Amino acid sequence: MLALVRKQLRNHPALIPLFIFIGGGATMSMVYLARLGLRNPDVCWDRKNNPEPWNKMGPTDQYKFYTVNMDYSKLKKEGPDF
């Protein structure tokens, strides 16, 4: 399979950027999915020791990937402690 791809790339060098961008996009999507699975407070990997991880999030914890003009250090807690 790789020999066939290598042969096609030698015959058609214009396909090289296509393979680079497709590979980069696949890598970035896998990294983003791994980040969602490991950093998102909605995901619970250990039900026995931490059944509700979203309750342990403080008001200054940043879990969003990207926010515009948001300073998490100045936020105050609005709800009661459970």
N, C-alpha and C. Protein backbone atom coordinates (compact mmCIF):
# COMPACT_ATOMS: atom_id res chain seq x y z
N MET A 1 0.83 -1.19 0.00
CA MET A 1 0.00 0.00 0.00
C MET A 1 0.87 1.26 0.00
N LEU A 2 1.88 1.28 0.89
CA LEU A 2 2.75 2.45 0.93
C LEU A 2 3.60 2.56 -0.33
N ALA A 3 3.94 1.44 -0.92
CA ALA A 3 4.71 1.48 -2.17
C ALA A 3 3.88 2.09 -3.29
N LEU A 4 2.59 1.78 -3.31
CA LEU A 4 1.71 2.36 -4.32
C LEU A 4 1.56 3.87 -4.13
N VAL A 5 1.43 4.30 -2.88
CA VAL A 5 1.34 5.74 -2.59
C VAL A 5 2.64 6.43 -2.99
N ARG A 6 3.77 5.84 -2.65
CA ARG A 6 5.06 6.43 -3.01
C ARG A 6 5.22 6.53 -4.52
N LYS A 7 4.76 5.53 -5.25
CA LYS A 7 4.85 5.55 -6.71
C LYS A 7 3.97 6.66 -7.28
N GLN A 8 2.78 6.81 -6.75
CA GLN A 8 1.88 7.87 -7.22
C GLN A 8 2.45 9.26 -6.92
N LEU A 9 3.08 9.42 -5.75
CA LEU A 9 3.66 10.71 -5.39
C LEU A 9 4.85 11.05 -6.28
N ARG A 10 5.60 10.04 -6.71
CA ARG A 10 6.71 10.30 -7.63
C ARG A 10 6.20 10.72 -9.00
N ASN A 11 5.10 10.11 -9.43
CA ASN A 11 4.54 10.45 -10.75
C ASN A 11 3.76 11.77 -10.73
N HIS A 12 3.14 12.09 -9.58
CA HIS A 12 2.32 13.30 -9.47
C HIS A 12 2.75 14.07 -8.22
N PRO A 13 3.80 14.88 -8.29
CA PRO A 13 4.29 15.59 -7.10
C PRO A 13 3.32 16.66 -6.59
N ALA A 14 2.33 17.03 -7.36
CA ALA A 14 1.35 18.02 -6.89
C ALA A 14 0.46 17.45 -5.80
N LEU A 15 0.48 16.14 -5.61
CA LEU A 15 -0.33 15.52 -4.55
C LEU A 15 0.32 15.61 -3.17
N ILE A 16 1.59 15.98 -3.09
CA ILE A 16 2.30 16.02 -1.81
C ILE A 16 1.64 17.01 -0.84
N PRO A 17 1.30 18.25 -1.23
CA PRO A 17 0.62 19.14 -0.27
C PRO A 17 -0.73 18.60 0.18
N LEU A 18 -1.42 17.89 -0.68
CA LEU A 18 -2.70 17.30 -0.30
C LEU A 18 -2.51 16.30 0.83
N PHE A 19 -1.51 15.42 0.70
CA PHE A 19 -1.25 14.45 1.75
C PHE A 19 -0.82 15.13 3.05
N ILE A 20 -0.04 16.19 2.95
CA ILE A 20 0.42 16.91 4.14
C ILE A 20 -0.76 17.54 4.88
N PHE A 21 -1.64 18.21 4.15
CA PHE A 21 -2.77 18.88 4.80
C PHE A 21 -3.80 17.90 5.33
N ILE A 22 -4.04 16.83 4.63
CA ILE A 22 -4.97 15.81 5.12
C ILE A 22 -4.41 15.15 6.38
N GLY A 23 -3.12 14.84 6.39
CA GLY A 23 -2.49 14.26 7.57
C GLY A 23 -2.48 15.22 8.75
N GLY A 24 -2.21 16.50 8.48
CA GLY A 24 -2.25 17.50 9.55
C GLY A 24 -3.64 17.68 10.13
N GLY A 25 -4.64 17.69 9.27
CA GLY A 25 -6.02 17.83 9.74
C GLY A 25 -6.46 16.63 10.57
N ALA A 26 -6.07 15.44 10.15
CA ALA A 26 -6.42 14.24 10.92
C ALA A 26 -5.71 14.25 12.28
N THR A 27 -4.46 14.70 12.30
CA THR A 27 -3.72 14.77 13.56
C THR A 27 -4.34 15.79 14.51
N MET A 28 -4.69 16.97 13.99
CA MET A 28 -5.30 17.99 14.85
C MET A 28 -6.66 17.55 15.38
N SER A 29 -7.43 16.84 14.57
CA SER A 29 -8.73 16.38 15.06
C SER A 29 -8.56 15.33 16.15
N MET A 30 -7.58 14.46 16.04
CA MET A 30 -7.33 13.46 17.09
C MET A 30 -6.84 14.12 18.38
N VAL A 31 -6.01 15.14 18.27
CA VAL A 31 -5.53 15.85 19.45
C VAL A 31 -6.70 16.57 20.14
N TYR A 32 -7.58 17.18 19.36
CA TYR A 32 -8.73 17.87 19.94
C TYR A 32 -9.69 16.89 20.62
N LEU A 33 -9.92 15.75 20.03
CA LEU A 33 -10.78 14.75 20.67
C LEU A 33 -10.15 14.21 21.96
N ALA A 34 -8.84 14.05 21.97
CA ALA A 34 -8.16 13.63 23.19
C ALA A 34 -8.28 14.70 24.27
N ARG A 35 -8.18 15.97 23.88
CA ARG A 35 -8.33 17.06 24.84
C ARG A 35 -9.74 17.09 25.41
N LEU A 36 -10.73 16.88 24.57
CA LEU A 36 -12.10 16.84 25.06
C LEU A 36 -12.32 15.70 26.05
N GLY A 37 -11.74 14.56 25.76
CA GLY A 37 -11.91 13.42 26.64
C GLY A 37 -11.18 13.54 27.96
N LEU A 38 -10.09 14.30 27.99
CA LEU A 38 -9.28 14.39 29.20
C LEU A 38 -9.54 15.66 30.02
N ARG A 39 -9.93 16.76 29.39
CA ARG A 39 -10.03 18.03 30.10
C ARG A 39 -11.46 18.51 30.33
N ASN A 40 -12.43 17.96 29.67
CA ASN A 40 -13.80 18.42 29.78
C ASN A 40 -14.40 17.97 31.12
N PRO A 41 -15.05 18.86 31.88
CA PRO A 41 -15.61 18.45 33.17
C PRO A 41 -16.85 17.56 33.03
N ASP A 42 -17.42 17.46 31.85
CA ASP A 42 -18.59 16.61 31.65
C ASP A 42 -18.23 15.14 31.50
N VAL A 43 -16.96 14.84 31.29
CA VAL A 43 -16.51 13.46 31.09
C VAL A 43 -16.07 12.88 32.43
N CYS A 44 -16.60 11.72 32.78
CA CYS A 44 -16.28 11.07 34.05
C CYS A 44 -15.60 9.73 33.75
N TRP A 45 -14.31 9.61 34.04
CA TRP A 45 -13.56 8.39 33.80
C TRP A 45 -13.57 7.47 35.02
N ASP A 46 -13.74 8.02 36.21
CA ASP A 46 -13.68 7.24 37.44
C ASP A 46 -14.96 7.47 38.24
N ARG A 47 -15.95 6.65 38.05
CA ARG A 47 -17.24 6.83 38.72
C ARG A 47 -17.18 6.51 40.21
N LYS A 48 -16.26 5.66 40.60
CA LYS A 48 -16.20 5.25 42.00
C LYS A 48 -15.65 6.36 42.90
N ASN A 49 -14.55 6.98 42.49
CA ASN A 49 -13.91 8.00 43.33
C ASN A 49 -14.38 9.42 43.04
N ASN A 50 -14.83 9.69 41.83
CA ASN A 50 -15.24 11.04 41.46
C ASN A 50 -16.48 10.95 40.58
N PRO A 51 -17.67 10.72 41.15
CA PRO A 51 -18.85 10.49 40.32
C PRO A 51 -19.36 11.74 39.62
N GLU A 52 -19.12 12.92 40.17
CA GLU A 52 -19.61 14.16 39.57
C GLU A 52 -18.46 15.18 39.49
N PRO A 53 -17.61 15.09 38.49
CA PRO A 53 -16.44 15.99 38.42
C PRO A 53 -16.82 17.44 38.14
N TRP A 54 -17.98 17.70 37.59
CA TRP A 54 -18.38 19.06 37.26
C TRP A 54 -18.69 19.86 38.52
N ASN A 55 -18.96 19.19 39.66
CA ASN A 55 -19.22 19.92 40.90
C ASN A 55 -17.93 20.43 41.54
N LYS A 56 -16.79 19.89 41.16
CA LYS A 56 -15.51 20.32 41.73
C LYS A 56 -14.87 21.44 40.93
N MET A 57 -15.52 21.91 39.89
CA MET A 57 -14.98 23.00 39.09
C MET A 57 -15.18 24.32 39.82
N GLY A 58 -14.11 25.07 39.98
CA GLY A 58 -14.19 26.38 40.61
C GLY A 58 -14.60 27.43 39.60
N PRO A 59 -14.97 28.62 40.08
CA PRO A 59 -15.37 29.68 39.13
C PRO A 59 -14.20 30.21 38.32
N THR A 60 -12.98 30.00 38.78
CA THR A 60 -11.82 30.51 38.04
C THR A 60 -11.17 29.45 37.16
N ASP A 61 -11.72 28.25 37.10
CA ASP A 61 -11.17 27.18 36.25
C ASP A 61 -11.60 27.39 34.81
N GLN A 62 -10.63 27.38 33.91
CA GLN A 62 -10.94 27.52 32.49
C GLN A 62 -10.97 26.14 31.86
N TYR A 63 -12.11 25.77 31.30
CA TYR A 63 -12.22 24.49 30.61
C TYR A 63 -12.66 24.66 29.17
N LYS A 64 -13.00 25.86 28.77
CA LYS A 64 -13.34 26.10 27.37
C LYS A 64 -12.06 26.17 26.55
N PHE A 65 -12.16 25.79 25.30
CA PHE A 65 -10.99 25.81 24.42
C PHE A 65 -10.58 27.23 24.07
N TYR A 66 -11.56 28.09 23.79
CA TYR A 66 -11.27 29.45 23.37
C TYR A 66 -12.39 30.37 23.83
N THR A 67 -12.07 31.45 24.50
CA THR A 67 -13.05 32.47 24.88
C THR A 67 -12.52 33.83 24.47
N VAL A 68 -13.42 34.72 24.14
CA VAL A 68 -13.05 36.06 23.70
C VAL A 68 -13.26 37.02 24.86
N ASN A 69 -12.22 37.74 25.23
CA ASN A 69 -12.26 38.77 26.26
C ASN A 69 -12.85 38.27 27.58
N MET A 70 -12.34 37.16 28.09
CA MET A 70 -12.83 36.61 29.36
C MET A 70 -11.65 36.44 30.31
N ASP A 71 -11.75 37.07 31.49
CA ASP A 71 -10.72 36.92 32.51
C ASP A 71 -11.28 36.04 33.62
N TYR A 72 -10.82 34.80 33.67
CA TYR A 72 -11.35 33.82 34.60
C TYR A 72 -10.95 34.10 36.04
N SER A 73 -9.88 34.86 36.25
CA SER A 73 -9.43 35.11 37.61
C SER A 73 -10.34 36.06 38.37
N LYS A 74 -11.19 36.82 37.68
CA LYS A 74 -12.07 37.79 38.34
C LYS A 74 -13.50 37.29 38.51
N LEU A 75 -13.78 36.06 38.14
CA LEU A 75 -15.13 35.54 38.27
C LEU A 75 -15.42 35.15 39.71
N LYS A 76 -16.71 35.27 40.10
CA LYS A 76 -17.12 34.90 41.44
C LYS A 76 -18.11 33.73 41.34
N LYS A 77 -18.17 32.94 42.37
CA LYS A 77 -19.07 31.79 42.39
C LYS A 77 -20.49 32.28 42.63
N GLU A 78 -21.44 31.79 41.82
CA GLU A 78 -22.81 32.25 41.90
C GLU A 78 -23.74 31.26 42.61
N GLY A 79 -23.33 30.00 42.73
CA GLY A 79 -24.20 28.99 43.29
C GLY A 79 -23.76 28.53 44.67
N PRO A 80 -24.56 27.70 45.32
CA PRO A 80 -24.20 27.20 46.64
C PRO A 80 -23.18 26.04 46.54
N ASP A 81 -22.53 25.76 47.66
CA ASP A 81 -21.63 24.61 47.75
C ASP A 81 -22.43 23.36 48.05
N PHE A 82 -22.11 22.26 47.37
CA PHE A 82 -22.81 21.00 47.60
C PHE A 82 -21.92 20.06 48.35
